[in-house]
Amino acid sequence: MATPGQVELIRKLWREWAGSDDEPALYKWLERRYHVAALRFLDREGASKAINGLQAMTSRKRAKADAPAANTCSP
């Protein structure tokens, strides 16, 4: 079973990535990626993988937001 700290971190990272507390969307993502229907079914290893995945997703999102727009034209 995932530790309470892991569950809390997954929810925090999901909020950061999704921009909301959309639990049904989180559960859908967990089902698609890790074949579990809810956080309570994740074991420690699965939770660790989900955390790593969410960290990568949020890092890519931040990098994309921080990157200058490629299609902007300067006068």
Protein backbone atom coordinates (compact mmCIF):
# COMPACT_ATOMS: atom_id res chain seq x y z
CA MET A 1 0.00 0.00 0.00
CA ALA A 2 1.21 3.51 -0.82
CA THR A 3 2.28 5.58 2.16
CA PRO A 4 0.20 8.60 3.17
CA GLY A 5 3.11 10.82 2.14
CA GLN A 6 3.18 9.28 -1.33
CA VAL A 7 -0.58 9.74 -1.73
CA GLU A 8 -0.32 13.37 -0.63
CA LEU A 9 2.56 14.01 -3.05
CA ILE A 10 0.66 12.40 -5.94
CA ARG A 11 -2.34 14.63 -5.26
CA LYS A 12 -0.10 17.72 -4.99
CA LEU A 13 1.70 16.94 -8.25
CA TRP A 14 -1.62 16.21 -9.98
CA ARG A 15 -3.02 19.59 -8.85
CA GLU A 16 0.10 21.28 -10.18
CA TRP A 17 -0.13 19.50 -13.53
CA ALA A 18 -3.91 19.59 -14.01
CA GLY A 19 -4.52 22.94 -12.39
CA SER A 20 -7.36 21.55 -10.27
CA ASP A 21 -8.37 18.86 -7.78
CA ASP A 22 -10.04 16.78 -10.49
CA GLU A 23 -9.95 13.36 -8.76
CA PRO A 24 -11.90 11.56 -11.53
CA ALA A 25 -9.27 12.70 -14.04
CA LEU A 26 -6.48 11.57 -11.69
CA TYR A 27 -8.13 8.16 -11.35
CA LYS A 28 -8.54 7.92 -15.11
CA TRP A 29 -4.82 8.68 -15.54
CA LEU A 30 -3.90 6.10 -12.89
CA GLU A 31 -6.07 3.51 -14.63
CA ARG A 32 -4.54 4.21 -18.03
CA ARG A 33 -0.92 4.36 -16.89
CA TYR A 34 -0.72 2.06 -13.86
CA HIS A 35 -3.81 -0.16 -14.17
CA VAL A 36 -5.28 0.79 -10.79
CA ALA A 37 -8.69 2.39 -10.34
CA ALA A 38 -7.79 4.61 -7.37
CA LEU A 39 -4.90 5.77 -5.21
CA ARG A 40 -5.84 3.33 -2.47
CA PHE A 41 -4.96 0.43 -4.78
CA LEU A 42 -1.41 1.62 -5.49
CA ASP A 43 1.39 -0.23 -3.76
CA ARG A 44 4.57 1.61 -2.76
CA GLU A 45 6.35 0.74 -5.99
CA GLY A 46 3.39 1.83 -8.13
CA ALA A 47 3.12 5.07 -6.15
CA SER A 48 6.82 5.71 -6.69
CA LYS A 49 6.37 5.21 -10.44
CA ALA A 50 3.34 7.51 -10.48
CA ILE A 51 5.31 10.18 -8.58
CA ASN A 52 8.19 9.94 -11.05
CA GLY A 53 5.76 10.18 -13.96
CA LEU A 54 3.96 13.19 -12.51
CA GLN A 55 7.26 14.92 -11.73
CA ALA A 56 8.34 14.46 -15.35
CA MET A 57 4.97 15.73 -16.60
CA THR A 58 5.07 18.83 -14.40
CA SER A 59 8.70 19.52 -15.36
CA ARG A 60 7.82 19.38 -19.05
CA LYS A 61 4.82 21.64 -18.48
CA ARG A 62 6.98 24.18 -16.61
CA ALA A 63 9.68 24.07 -19.29
CA LYS A 64 7.10 24.61 -22.01
CA ALA A 65 5.56 27.54 -20.12
CA ASP A 66 8.99 29.09 -19.52
CA ALA A 67 10.19 28.68 -23.12
CA PRO A 68 9.85 31.73 -25.34
CA ALA A 69 7.19 31.42 -28.00
CA ALA A 70 8.79 30.12 -31.20
CA ASN A 71 6.30 31.74 -33.55
CA THR A 72 6.49 35.32 -32.31
CA CYS A 73 7.63 37.90 -34.80
CA SER A 74 9.55 40.99 -33.79
CA PRO A 75 8.87 44.20 -35.72
